[in-house]
Amino acid sequence: MSDKASKIRLKTSALTQSRKRLNTVFHLPKYVGKSRHGLPVRAIQNTASKNSRASPPVRPGSLFLPRQCGLFAILVNLFLLPTSAYAYLDPGTGNALGYLLLSGAAAIFFFIKSVYYQIFRKRSNMTVLHKDPDSNIVLFSEGKPYWDTFQPIIEALILRKQKFSYLTMDVEDPGLTFENPYIEPRYIGSGTLAFLRLNRVNARIMLATTPNIGSLGAPLARPPRVKILAHVFHSVADISMYSKGSLDHYDAVLLAGAFQKASIRAIERKRNLPKKRLEVAGLPYLDALAKRASSAPLTPRDRPTVLVGSSWGNKGCLKHYGVAFISGLLNAGYEVVIRPHPHSLQTEPGVLEAIASTLSDRQYLTWDLAPTPDKTMAASDILISDTSSIRLDYAFLYGKPVVTLEIPEQAVTGLELEDLEENWIHALDNEIGVFLGEDLIHTLPDQINSLLEDSNQRSMEGLRDDTLPYFGRSGEIIADYLIREVASPNKENAPNNARGPNRESCMGNPGNPMVDGGAGA
């Protein structure tokens, strides 16, 4: 790490730095911000501009386990973290004793934590959930990284004077700072106890951007007292790159665009699932990014800048292609900014460290670990990516070209793509730039030069509006949908997944153009 980078002072509290200690363990050149890890992760997301999803906690002894101290460490290590047990417990008395000890320890732990938050957090509107939330509308977020998805919806609901609850697993979530009579924000904790608390939610409709709720082996069960479980997308993509079973237990899906219908219906037919209610509603997080993009100052650079936005794991270009293509770009005179997927920082730090070490002496190479990619997307001239949907974020918001590097199909396993005949986003590869096969990777500098010189590229604005019909208004559209749902008390009370396959695909409302009539879906 350079002297300049090592002297950067993080503007976060000591507790936050401790909780997200990966930033201090994984050192990369020219550190520009904190990574959005620290939440439980589920390995389904593939966009470099988003955080990874929920999964079981890291086991004790892991290099990346957040540092604990004092009483918190004792309680966590004794009662909340899995350990090997060799003592025998009688099935009757022993289990009862173990249950009492665990319950007592958990109660003490959360009592102390609640007192700590009240004393030190100084957030008057932040409450810890100790009772079942009972609301017609509940928004559930895994935390701060998904604030761009929920903020436009929250603002629209407040403007419409609709009361709702906002539940989050992240104490740093900006939603906890709202002071408004129409929103009840609550911190529900993290990990297993948060999942148990969420399972007690009682609501007409719960909106989440977390896939795989209710799936076999997933940490989040479907709350039994939620009548309608609705999903909102956080990427411009169909469900091809979601993990298998991602939306199987959802009743409704708020689509970014009509293009997402085909993959959802195909999975339903293949697995004999009941039809979900599908409504085109836009993409809230992209609207939030667009607002910031329009006001972001541009930093002048003395040479063309290439942003490498990689997915994680085998489907990411950093792991698949390694350092060679980046060296080629630097040798060709380009400035390169590498933005790894946040999940890569947790699952493959060795890959990133190897690249950083190999290229440590290169002058025009920087790393972007900021929470959002706004600044680097605005400052760069072209994007190189792989399976990540950051490609469409980049093209739609900034109208700049994208080079998509081929990732072999055998590297993409365990995803919905295995049960689908096609991946929708492949059809756009050559509309937003070029697709480059493995055998042509050596031509990458020439391809970039050609794209940057081409002044006759198709306007991305037209393609964006065709793909996302409610661009800039998705928060309003989704808020109106939620309000319509709670205003219809005479609808069936059983969850959609319990009502059989003959259910209509969406509400009949001929006056609303966003509604999917179901006939051709």
Protein backbone atom coordinates (compact mmCIF):
# COMPACT_ATOMS: atom_id res chain seq x y z
CA MET A 1 0.00 0.00 0.00
CA SER A 2 1.29 3.46 -0.86
CA ASP A 3 2.15 6.05 1.81
CA LYS A 4 -0.71 8.20 0.65
CA ALA A 5 -3.23 5.36 0.93
CA SER A 6 -1.95 4.26 4.32
CA LYS A 7 -2.54 7.73 5.74
CA ILE A 8 -6.19 7.93 4.67
CA ARG A 9 -8.33 8.39 7.75
CA LEU A 10 -11.60 6.47 7.71
CA LYS A 11 -14.58 8.55 8.73
CA THR A 12 -16.21 5.75 10.69
CA SER A 13 -16.40 4.90 14.34
CA ALA A 14 -14.05 2.47 16.04
CA LEU A 15 -16.92 0.01 16.45
CA THR A 16 -17.75 0.13 12.74
CA GLN A 17 -14.10 -0.35 11.80
CA SER A 18 -13.93 -3.32 14.11
CA ARG A 19 -17.15 -4.82 12.75
CA LYS A 20 -15.90 -4.40 9.21
CA ARG A 21 -12.30 -5.26 9.88
CA LEU A 22 -11.83 -6.80 6.42
CA ASN A 23 -10.95 -3.29 5.29
CA THR A 24 -7.90 -3.34 7.55
CA VAL A 25 -6.96 -6.94 6.86
CA PHE A 26 -7.16 -6.85 3.07
CA HIS A 27 -4.81 -4.12 1.90
CA LEU A 28 -4.96 -2.96 -1.70
CA PRO A 29 -3.25 -0.01 -3.39
CA LYS A 30 -4.87 3.41 -3.12
CA TYR A 31 -7.71 2.50 -0.81
CA VAL A 32 -10.57 4.91 -1.49
CA GLY A 33 -13.37 3.83 0.80
CA LYS A 34 -14.83 1.08 2.88
CA SER A 35 -16.24 -2.10 1.41
CA ARG A 36 -19.83 -3.06 1.96
CA HIS A 37 -19.21 -6.36 3.65
CA GLY A 38 -19.96 -7.29 7.23
CA LEU A 39 -23.51 -8.47 6.52
CA PRO A 40 -24.37 -12.16 6.33
CA VAL A 41 -23.92 -13.12 2.69
CA ARG A 42 -25.71 -15.40 0.29
CA ALA A 43 -23.70 -16.37 -2.75
CA ILE A 44 -26.15 -15.47 -5.51
CA GLN A 45 -25.33 -11.96 -6.52
CA ASN A 46 -22.97 -11.17 -9.33
CA THR A 47 -22.94 -7.42 -9.79
CA ALA A 48 -19.86 -5.41 -8.98
CA SER A 49 -21.99 -2.47 -7.89
CA LYS A 50 -23.92 -4.37 -5.25
CA ASN A 51 -23.24 -6.24 -2.09
CA SER A 52 -23.48 -10.00 -1.72
CA ARG A 53 -26.42 -11.76 -0.14
CA ALA A 54 -27.16 -13.42 3.22
CA SER A 55 -25.58 -16.69 4.32
CA PRO A 56 -24.64 -18.40 7.57
CA PRO A 57 -22.15 -16.52 9.78
CA VAL A 58 -18.39 -17.03 9.46
CA ARG A 59 -17.12 -19.78 11.75
CA PRO A 60 -14.90 -18.98 14.74
CA GLY A 61 -11.23 -18.86 13.89
CA SER A 62 -11.81 -17.32 10.49
CA LEU A 63 -9.35 -14.65 9.47
CA PHE A 64 -12.31 -12.40 8.65
CA LEU A 65 -14.37 -12.91 11.80
CA PRO A 66 -15.07 -9.44 13.24
CA ARG A 67 -13.08 -8.75 16.40
CA GLN A 68 -15.03 -9.17 19.64
CA CYS A 69 -14.09 -8.01 23.09
CA GLY A 70 -15.26 -8.14 26.68
CA LEU A 71 -18.65 -9.53 27.66
CA PHE A 72 -19.90 -9.52 24.06
CA ALA A 73 -17.11 -11.93 23.07
CA ILE A 74 -17.83 -14.26 25.98
CA LEU A 75 -21.55 -14.46 25.22
CA VAL A 76 -21.06 -14.82 21.49
CA ASN A 77 -18.38 -17.50 21.81
CA LEU A 78 -20.22 -19.45 24.50
CA PHE A 79 -23.76 -19.38 23.20
CA LEU A 80 -24.19 -17.97 19.70
CA LEU A 81 -21.34 -19.45 17.64
CA PRO A 82 -21.32 -23.13 16.63
CA THR A 83 -18.71 -25.24 18.42
CA SER A 84 -17.97 -28.93 18.83
CA ALA A 85 -19.76 -30.50 21.79
CA TYR A 86 -18.55 -33.72 23.41
CA ALA A 87 -20.67 -33.73 26.58
CA TYR A 88 -23.80 -35.91 26.69
CA LEU A 89 -27.17 -34.28 27.38
CA ASP A 90 -30.10 -36.33 28.57
CA PRO A 91 -32.92 -36.00 26.00
CA GLY A 92 -35.25 -34.72 28.67
CA THR A 93 -33.60 -32.85 31.53
CA GLY A 94 -30.40 -32.05 29.66
CA ASN A 95 -32.13 -30.45 26.69
CA ALA A 96 -34.34 -28.39 28.95
CA LEU A 97 -31.27 -27.17 30.85
CA GLY A 98 -29.49 -26.32 27.61
CA TYR A 99 -32.53 -24.41 26.37
CA LEU A 100 -32.73 -22.38 29.58
CA LEU A 101 -29.02 -21.55 29.46
CA LEU A 102 -29.20 -20.50 25.82
CA SER A 103 -32.33 -18.40 26.35
CA GLY A 104 -30.84 -16.69 29.37
CA ALA A 105 -27.58 -15.94 27.62
CA ALA A 106 -29.37 -14.55 24.57
CA ALA A 107 -31.57 -12.34 26.75
CA ILE A 108 -28.53 -10.94 28.59
CA PHE A 109 -26.69 -10.40 25.33
CA PHE A 110 -29.47 -8.40 23.68
CA PHE A 111 -30.25 -6.45 26.84
CA ILE A 112 -26.62 -5.27 27.03
CA LYS A 113 -26.55 -4.56 23.31
CA SER A 114 -29.75 -2.51 23.52
CA VAL A 115 -28.33 -0.44 26.39
CA TYR A 116 -25.16 0.10 24.39
CA TYR A 117 -27.08 1.37 21.36
CA GLN A 118 -29.16 3.72 23.52
CA ILE A 119 -26.08 5.20 25.18
CA PHE A 120 -23.57 5.37 22.36
CA ARG A 121 -25.46 5.34 19.06
CA LYS A 122 -27.42 8.52 19.82
CA ARG A 123 -30.03 7.73 17.21
CA SER A 124 -33.32 8.74 18.71
CA ASN A 125 -35.45 6.85 16.21
CA MET A 126 -33.54 3.57 16.22
CA THR A 127 -35.25 0.78 18.13
CA VAL A 128 -34.40 -2.85 18.64
CA LEU A 129 -37.25 -5.21 17.80
CA HIS A 130 -38.51 -7.01 20.91
CA LYS A 131 -42.06 -7.79 19.76
CA ASP A 132 -43.74 -9.07 16.66
CA PRO A 133 -44.04 -6.30 14.06
CA ASP A 134 -47.68 -6.03 13.00
CA SER A 135 -48.20 -3.84 9.96
CA ASN A 136 -50.05 -3.97 6.67
CA ILE A 137 -46.83 -3.10 4.83
CA VAL A 138 -43.36 -4.26 5.86
CA LEU A 139 -40.14 -3.49 3.99
CA PHE A 140 -37.25 -5.82 4.84
CA SER A 141 -33.65 -4.89 4.05
CA GLU A 142 -30.40 -6.70 4.77
CA GLY A 143 -28.81 -3.33 5.41
CA LYS A 144 -27.11 -0.19 4.20
CA PRO A 145 -25.88 -1.55 0.84
CA TYR A 146 -29.51 -1.83 -0.29
CA TRP A 147 -30.56 1.63 0.78
CA ASP A 148 -30.66 2.80 -2.83
CA THR A 149 -33.36 0.20 -3.49
CA PHE A 150 -35.57 1.14 -0.56
CA GLN A 151 -35.08 4.90 -0.25
CA PRO A 152 -37.23 5.86 -3.30
CA ILE A 153 -40.01 3.53 -2.08
CA ILE A 154 -39.88 4.90 1.46
CA GLU A 155 -40.01 8.51 0.28
CA ALA A 156 -42.98 7.76 -1.98
CA LEU A 157 -44.91 6.00 0.80
CA ILE A 158 -44.33 8.92 3.17
CA LEU A 159 -45.51 11.42 0.54
CA ARG A 160 -48.69 9.35 0.22
CA LYS A 161 -49.10 9.33 4.02
CA GLN A 162 -49.07 5.52 4.13
CA LYS A 163 -47.90 3.94 7.38
CA PHE A 164 -45.42 1.05 7.14
CA SER A 165 -42.60 -0.73 8.97
CA TYR A 166 -38.97 -0.86 7.84
CA LEU A 167 -36.94 -3.76 9.24
CA THR A 168 -33.19 -3.96 8.77
CA MET A 169 -30.34 -6.24 9.84
CA ASP A 170 -27.78 -3.42 9.80
CA VAL A 171 -27.37 -0.92 12.63
CA GLU A 172 -25.72 1.45 10.12
CA ASP A 173 -28.79 1.46 7.84
CA PRO A 174 -29.80 5.07 6.99
CA GLY A 175 -33.44 4.04 7.26
CA LEU A 176 -33.10 3.88 11.04
CA THR A 177 -32.56 7.65 11.19
CA PHE A 178 -35.96 8.53 9.69
CA GLU A 179 -38.15 10.57 12.02
CA ASN A 180 -41.59 10.54 10.47
CA PRO A 181 -44.98 9.39 11.81
CA TYR A 182 -45.58 7.17 8.76
CA ILE A 183 -42.47 4.97 9.08
CA GLU A 184 -41.57 2.67 11.94
CA PRO A 185 -37.91 1.72 11.45
CA ARG A 186 -36.59 -1.18 13.49
CA TYR A 187 -33.24 -2.90 13.83
CA ILE A 188 -33.85 -6.65 14.18
CA GLY A 189 -30.27 -7.70 14.89
CA SER A 190 -28.15 -9.90 12.64
CA GLY A 191 -27.54 -13.56 12.00
CA THR A 192 -29.73 -16.38 13.25
CA LEU A 193 -31.66 -14.38 15.82
CA ALA A 194 -32.56 -11.78 13.18
CA PHE A 195 -33.87 -14.57 10.95
CA LEU A 196 -35.98 -15.89 13.82
CA ARG A 197 -37.39 -12.43 14.51
CA LEU A 198 -38.21 -11.93 10.85
CA ASN A 199 -40.09 -15.21 10.90
CA ARG A 200 -42.56 -13.61 13.36
CA VAL A 201 -43.55 -10.77 11.04
CA ASN A 202 -47.30 -10.38 10.66
CA ALA A 203 -48.21 -8.33 7.58
CA ARG A 204 -50.50 -8.13 4.60
CA ILE A 205 -47.44 -7.71 2.36
CA MET A 206 -43.69 -7.84 2.93
CA LEU A 207 -41.35 -6.42 0.28
CA ALA A 208 -37.74 -7.65 0.10
CA THR A 209 -34.87 -7.66 -2.36
CA THR A 210 -33.36 -10.80 -0.78
CA PRO A 211 -33.71 -13.89 -3.00
CA ASN A 212 -34.14 -17.46 -1.71
CA ILE A 213 -36.39 -16.60 1.22
CA GLY A 214 -38.00 -19.92 2.14
CA SER A 215 -35.68 -22.00 -0.06
CA LEU A 216 -34.34 -25.30 1.23
CA GLY A 217 -31.08 -24.68 3.07
CA ALA A 218 -31.44 -20.88 3.03
CA PRO A 219 -31.12 -19.08 6.38
CA LEU A 220 -34.33 -17.10 5.95
CA ALA A 221 -37.61 -19.00 6.25
CA ARG A 222 -40.76 -17.58 4.73
CA PRO A 223 -42.68 -15.75 7.50
CA PRO A 224 -45.89 -17.79 7.90
CA ARG A 225 -48.04 -14.75 8.80
CA VAL A 226 -47.08 -12.74 5.73
CA LYS A 227 -49.96 -12.95 3.24
CA ILE A 228 -47.99 -11.68 0.21
CA LEU A 229 -44.22 -12.00 -0.06
CA ALA A 230 -43.05 -9.62 -2.80
CA HIS A 231 -39.63 -9.31 -4.42
CA VAL A 232 -38.08 -6.15 -5.86
CA PHE A 233 -35.05 -6.46 -8.15
CA HIS A 234 -31.74 -4.73 -7.52
CA SER A 235 -30.15 -5.28 -10.92
CA VAL A 236 -30.93 -4.91 -14.62
CA ALA A 237 -31.07 -8.66 -15.33
CA ASP A 238 -33.47 -11.56 -15.40
CA ILE A 239 -33.22 -14.37 -12.85
CA SER A 240 -30.64 -16.33 -14.87
CA MET A 241 -27.82 -15.39 -12.52
CA TYR A 242 -29.85 -15.92 -9.32
CA SER A 243 -29.21 -19.13 -7.39
CA LYS A 244 -31.64 -21.98 -7.89
CA GLY A 245 -34.97 -21.59 -6.13
CA SER A 246 -34.41 -17.85 -5.75
CA LEU A 247 -38.06 -16.78 -6.15
CA ASP A 248 -39.87 -20.10 -5.71
CA HIS A 249 -41.55 -19.04 -2.47
CA TYR A 250 -42.46 -15.49 -3.47
CA ASP A 251 -46.07 -14.57 -4.30
CA ALA A 252 -45.39 -11.40 -6.28
CA VAL A 253 -42.46 -9.93 -8.18
CA LEU A 254 -42.06 -6.25 -9.03
CA LEU A 255 -40.25 -6.38 -12.34
CA ALA A 256 -37.66 -3.90 -13.50
CA GLY A 257 -39.03 -4.45 -17.01
CA ALA A 258 -41.20 -6.82 -19.02
CA PHE A 259 -38.06 -8.67 -20.16
CA GLN A 260 -37.93 -10.46 -16.77
CA LYS A 261 -41.27 -12.24 -17.26
CA ALA A 262 -39.99 -14.95 -19.58
CA SER A 263 -37.38 -16.41 -17.21
CA ILE A 264 -39.77 -16.36 -14.23
CA ARG A 265 -42.57 -18.08 -16.15
CA ALA A 266 -40.13 -20.65 -17.58
CA ILE A 267 -38.99 -21.64 -14.08
CA GLU A 268 -42.60 -21.85 -12.87
CA ARG A 269 -43.50 -24.22 -15.70
CA LYS A 270 -40.41 -26.38 -15.20
CA ARG A 271 -41.04 -26.77 -11.45
CA ASN A 272 -44.85 -26.78 -11.63
CA LEU A 273 -45.06 -23.72 -9.38
CA PRO A 274 -48.13 -21.50 -9.02
CA LYS A 275 -48.03 -18.36 -11.13
CA LYS A 276 -46.72 -15.32 -9.34
CA ARG A 277 -48.27 -11.90 -9.61
CA LEU A 278 -45.94 -9.96 -11.91
CA GLU A 279 -45.97 -6.18 -12.25
CA VAL A 280 -43.56 -3.99 -14.17
CA ALA A 281 -42.49 -1.31 -11.71
CA GLY A 282 -39.00 -0.15 -12.64
CA LEU A 283 -35.73 -0.29 -10.73
CA PRO A 284 -35.51 1.97 -7.64
CA TYR A 285 -31.77 1.63 -7.06
CA LEU A 286 -30.97 2.72 -10.61
CA ASP A 287 -33.15 5.81 -10.12
CA ALA A 288 -31.14 6.65 -6.99
CA LEU A 289 -27.86 6.16 -8.86
CA ALA A 290 -29.14 8.33 -11.70
CA LYS A 291 -29.79 11.23 -9.34
CA ARG A 292 -26.26 11.10 -8.03
CA ALA A 293 -24.81 10.62 -11.51
CA SER A 294 -26.42 13.81 -12.76
CA SER A 295 -24.70 15.87 -10.07
CA ALA A 296 -21.37 14.03 -9.84
CA PRO A 297 -18.36 16.25 -10.68
CA LEU A 298 -16.04 14.88 -13.36
CA THR A 299 -12.37 14.44 -12.53
CA PRO A 300 -10.16 15.26 -15.54
CA ARG A 301 -7.64 12.56 -16.44
CA ASP A 302 -4.62 12.76 -18.74
CA ARG A 303 -5.28 9.42 -20.48
CA PRO A 304 -8.26 7.14 -21.31
CA THR A 305 -9.50 5.30 -18.23
CA VAL A 306 -10.72 1.71 -18.20
CA LEU A 307 -12.90 0.48 -15.34
CA VAL A 308 -12.67 -3.28 -14.67
CA GLY A 309 -15.88 -4.27 -12.85
CA SER A 310 -15.62 -7.95 -12.02
CA SER A 311 -18.09 -10.42 -10.64
CA TRP A 312 -16.84 -12.87 -7.99
CA GLY A 313 -15.75 -16.47 -8.07
CA ASN A 314 -15.37 -18.49 -11.25
CA LYS A 315 -17.78 -16.24 -13.12
CA GLY A 316 -15.61 -13.17 -12.52
CA CYS A 317 -13.05 -11.92 -15.03
CA LEU A 318 -10.42 -11.24 -12.35
CA LYS A 319 -10.29 -14.87 -11.29
CA HIS A 320 -10.80 -16.36 -14.74
CA TYR A 321 -8.36 -14.22 -16.71
CA GLY A 322 -5.96 -13.17 -13.96
CA VAL A 323 -3.47 -10.35 -14.32
CA ALA A 324 -2.48 -10.74 -17.98
CA PHE A 325 -5.27 -8.69 -19.58
CA ILE A 326 -4.81 -5.88 -17.05
CA SER A 327 -1.08 -5.73 -17.79
CA GLY A 328 -1.94 -5.53 -21.48
CA LEU A 329 -4.16 -2.51 -20.89
CA LEU A 330 -1.49 -0.74 -18.85
CA ASN A 331 1.13 -1.49 -21.50
CA ALA A 332 -1.19 0.00 -24.12
CA GLY A 333 -1.23 3.32 -22.22
CA TYR A 334 -4.61 3.14 -20.50
CA GLU A 335 -5.29 4.08 -16.90
CA VAL A 336 -6.99 1.16 -15.15
CA VAL A 337 -9.32 1.15 -12.15
CA ILE A 338 -10.15 -2.28 -10.69
CA ARG A 339 -13.44 -2.67 -8.83
CA PRO A 340 -13.79 -6.21 -7.43
CA HIS A 341 -17.13 -7.52 -6.28
CA PRO A 342 -17.47 -6.99 -2.49
CA HIS A 343 -17.99 -10.72 -2.05
CA SER A 344 -14.55 -11.33 -3.57
CA LEU A 345 -13.01 -9.58 -0.57
CA GLN A 346 -14.43 -12.32 1.63
CA THR A 347 -14.25 -15.42 -0.55
CA GLU A 348 -11.13 -14.96 -2.68
CA PRO A 349 -8.76 -12.44 -1.08
CA GLY A 350 -5.80 -14.47 -2.31
CA VAL A 351 -6.77 -13.84 -5.93
CA LEU A 352 -6.94 -10.10 -5.35
CA GLU A 353 -3.75 -10.01 -3.31
CA ALA A 354 -1.90 -11.84 -6.09
CA ILE A 355 -3.06 -9.29 -8.67
CA ALA A 356 -2.22 -6.38 -6.37
CA SER A 357 1.24 -7.80 -5.67
CA THR A 358 2.03 -8.45 -9.32
CA LEU A 359 0.97 -4.96 -10.38
CA SER A 360 2.19 -3.07 -7.30
CA ASP A 361 4.75 -1.07 -9.27
CA ARG A 362 2.39 0.05 -12.05
CA GLN A 363 1.80 3.80 -11.97
CA TYR A 364 -1.61 4.05 -13.63
CA LEU A 365 -3.45 1.36 -11.66
CA THR A 366 -5.89 2.06 -8.80
CA TRP A 367 -8.45 0.02 -6.86
CA ASP A 368 -12.01 1.09 -6.12
CA LEU A 369 -13.39 -0.35 -2.85
CA ALA A 370 -15.94 2.43 -2.24
CA PRO A 371 -19.47 1.48 -1.12
CA THR A 372 -20.93 2.52 -4.49
CA PRO A 373 -19.29 2.75 -7.92
CA ASP A 374 -20.65 6.22 -8.78
CA LYS A 375 -17.36 8.08 -8.91
CA THR A 376 -15.38 5.55 -10.89
CA MET A 377 -18.21 4.95 -13.35
CA ALA A 378 -18.47 8.69 -13.95
CA ALA A 379 -14.71 9.20 -14.29
CA SER A 380 -13.97 6.22 -16.57
CA ASP A 381 -14.34 6.05 -20.36
CA ILE A 382 -15.15 2.38 -20.84
CA LEU A 383 -16.09 -0.66 -18.73
CA ILE A 384 -14.71 -4.20 -18.93
CA SER A 385 -16.85 -6.80 -17.17
CA ASP A 386 -18.16 -10.38 -17.33
CA THR A 387 -21.47 -11.77 -16.05
CA SER A 388 -22.07 -8.75 -13.83
CA SER A 389 -25.11 -6.57 -14.40
CA ILE A 390 -22.98 -3.52 -13.64
CA ARG A 391 -22.68 -3.53 -17.44
CA LEU A 392 -26.20 -2.18 -17.89
CA ASP A 393 -25.91 0.21 -14.95
CA TYR A 394 -22.90 1.71 -16.70
CA ALA A 395 -24.43 1.83 -20.18
CA PHE A 396 -27.84 3.16 -19.09
CA LEU A 397 -26.57 5.82 -16.70
CA TYR A 398 -23.53 7.12 -18.55
CA GLY A 399 -24.04 6.03 -22.17
CA LYS A 400 -20.50 4.67 -22.37
CA PRO A 401 -19.36 1.48 -24.11
CA VAL A 402 -18.93 -1.89 -22.38
CA VAL A 403 -16.66 -4.83 -23.25
CA THR A 404 -18.10 -8.15 -22.04
CA LEU A 405 -15.50 -10.89 -21.55
CA GLU A 406 -16.60 -14.47 -22.14
CA ILE A 407 -16.96 -16.69 -19.08
CA PRO A 408 -17.34 -20.41 -19.92
CA GLU A 409 -20.69 -21.95 -19.06
CA GLN A 410 -19.07 -24.65 -16.94
CA ALA A 411 -17.85 -21.92 -14.57
CA VAL A 412 -21.44 -20.85 -13.83
CA THR A 413 -23.06 -23.53 -11.68
CA GLY A 414 -25.89 -23.70 -9.17
CA LEU A 415 -27.80 -20.87 -10.84
CA GLU A 416 -31.24 -20.59 -12.42
CA LEU A 417 -29.46 -20.38 -15.78
CA GLU A 418 -29.05 -24.17 -15.69
CA ASP A 419 -32.84 -24.54 -15.97
CA LEU A 420 -33.29 -21.85 -18.63
CA GLU A 421 -32.67 -22.00 -22.35
CA GLU A 422 -31.10 -18.56 -22.57
CA ASN A 423 -29.66 -15.68 -20.58
CA TRP A 424 -31.52 -12.50 -21.52
CA ILE A 425 -28.60 -10.15 -21.02
CA HIS A 426 -26.54 -11.90 -23.71
CA ALA A 427 -28.81 -10.36 -26.34
CA LEU A 428 -27.61 -6.90 -25.28
CA ASP A 429 -23.88 -7.60 -25.21
CA ASN A 430 -23.30 -6.16 -28.66
CA GLU A 431 -25.83 -3.34 -28.21
CA ILE A 432 -23.98 -1.82 -25.27
CA GLY A 433 -20.53 -2.54 -26.70
CA VAL A 434 -18.82 -5.76 -27.78
CA PHE A 435 -18.63 -9.36 -26.62
CA LEU A 436 -15.10 -10.78 -26.58
CA GLY A 437 -14.46 -14.52 -26.58
CA GLU A 438 -11.60 -16.16 -24.75
CA ASP A 439 -9.69 -16.69 -27.98
CA LEU A 440 -9.78 -12.94 -28.72
CA ILE A 441 -8.71 -11.62 -25.33
CA HIS A 442 -5.36 -10.55 -26.84
CA THR A 443 -7.22 -8.03 -29.03
CA LEU A 444 -8.73 -6.23 -26.01
CA PRO A 445 -6.64 -2.99 -26.29
CA ASP A 446 -7.55 -2.70 -30.00
CA GLN A 447 -11.24 -3.31 -29.26
CA ILE A 448 -11.22 -0.59 -26.61
CA ASN A 449 -9.51 1.86 -28.92
CA SER A 450 -12.07 1.15 -31.64
CA LEU A 451 -15.02 1.65 -29.30
CA LEU A 452 -13.65 4.92 -27.93
CA GLU A 453 -13.13 6.27 -31.44
CA ASP A 454 -16.60 5.30 -32.64
CA SER A 455 -18.74 8.43 -32.39
CA ASN A 456 -21.78 6.80 -34.03
CA GLN A 457 -22.79 4.53 -31.15
CA ARG A 458 -26.49 4.05 -30.58
CA SER A 459 -27.90 6.26 -27.85
CA MET A 460 -28.27 4.26 -24.64
CA GLU A 461 -31.19 6.42 -23.57
CA GLY A 462 -33.52 4.77 -26.07
CA LEU A 463 -32.42 1.27 -25.10
CA ARG A 464 -32.73 2.16 -21.41
CA ASP A 465 -36.29 3.45 -21.77
CA ASP A 466 -37.30 0.38 -23.79
CA THR A 467 -35.89 -1.88 -21.08
CA LEU A 468 -37.00 0.11 -18.01
CA PRO A 469 -40.30 1.86 -18.83
CA TYR A 470 -40.57 3.57 -15.43
CA PHE A 471 -37.05 4.95 -15.24
CA GLY A 472 -36.99 7.77 -12.66
CA ARG A 473 -40.43 6.89 -11.20
CA SER A 474 -40.08 3.38 -9.83
CA GLY A 475 -40.41 4.40 -6.17
CA GLU A 476 -43.81 5.95 -6.89
CA ILE A 477 -45.00 2.94 -8.92
CA ILE A 478 -44.01 0.47 -6.20
CA ALA A 479 -45.55 2.59 -3.43
CA ASP A 480 -48.85 2.72 -5.35
CA TYR A 481 -48.77 -1.07 -5.77
CA LEU A 482 -48.25 -1.62 -2.04
CA ILE A 483 -51.06 0.78 -1.16
CA ARG A 484 -53.45 -0.99 -3.56
CA GLU A 485 -52.64 -4.30 -1.92
CA VAL A 486 -53.48 -3.15 1.60
CA ALA A 487 -56.60 -1.37 0.34
CA SER A 488 -58.07 -4.70 -0.83
CA PRO A 489 -59.00 -6.48 2.42
CA ASN A 490 -61.48 -8.83 0.72
CA LYS A 491 -58.80 -10.71 -1.23
CA GLU A 492 -57.91 -14.23 -0.23
CA ASN A 493 -55.95 -14.37 2.97
CA ALA A 494 -53.88 -17.45 2.07
CA PRO A 495 -50.43 -16.90 0.64
CA ASN A 496 -50.18 -17.07 -3.14
CA ASN A 497 -48.05 -20.23 -3.05
CA ALA A 498 -50.86 -22.04 -1.25
CA ARG A 499 -53.57 -21.16 -3.75
CA GLY A 500 -52.66 -23.42 -6.67
CA PRO A 501 -51.39 -22.94 -10.21
CA ASN A 502 -54.55 -21.41 -11.72
CA ARG A 503 -54.10 -18.06 -10.02
CA GLU A 504 -54.01 -15.03 -12.32
CA SER A 505 -50.54 -13.66 -12.83
CA CYS A 506 -51.36 -10.20 -11.55
CA MET A 507 -54.14 -7.85 -10.52
CA GLY A 508 -56.71 -6.91 -13.11
CA ASN A 509 -56.46 -3.14 -13.47
CA PRO A 510 -56.90 -2.05 -17.09
CA GLY A 511 -56.34 1.55 -16.13
CA ASN A 512 -52.80 0.88 -14.97
CA PRO A 513 -50.30 0.24 -17.79
CA MET A 514 -47.78 -1.41 -15.48
CA VAL A 515 -50.02 -4.40 -14.76
CA ASP A 516 -49.24 -7.71 -16.45
CA GLY A 517 -52.52 -9.05 -17.71
CA GLY A 518 -51.28 -12.59 -17.49
CA ALA A 519 -52.45 -13.84 -20.90
CA GLY A 520 -49.12 -13.71 -22.61
CA ALA A 521 -46.87 -13.92 -19.60
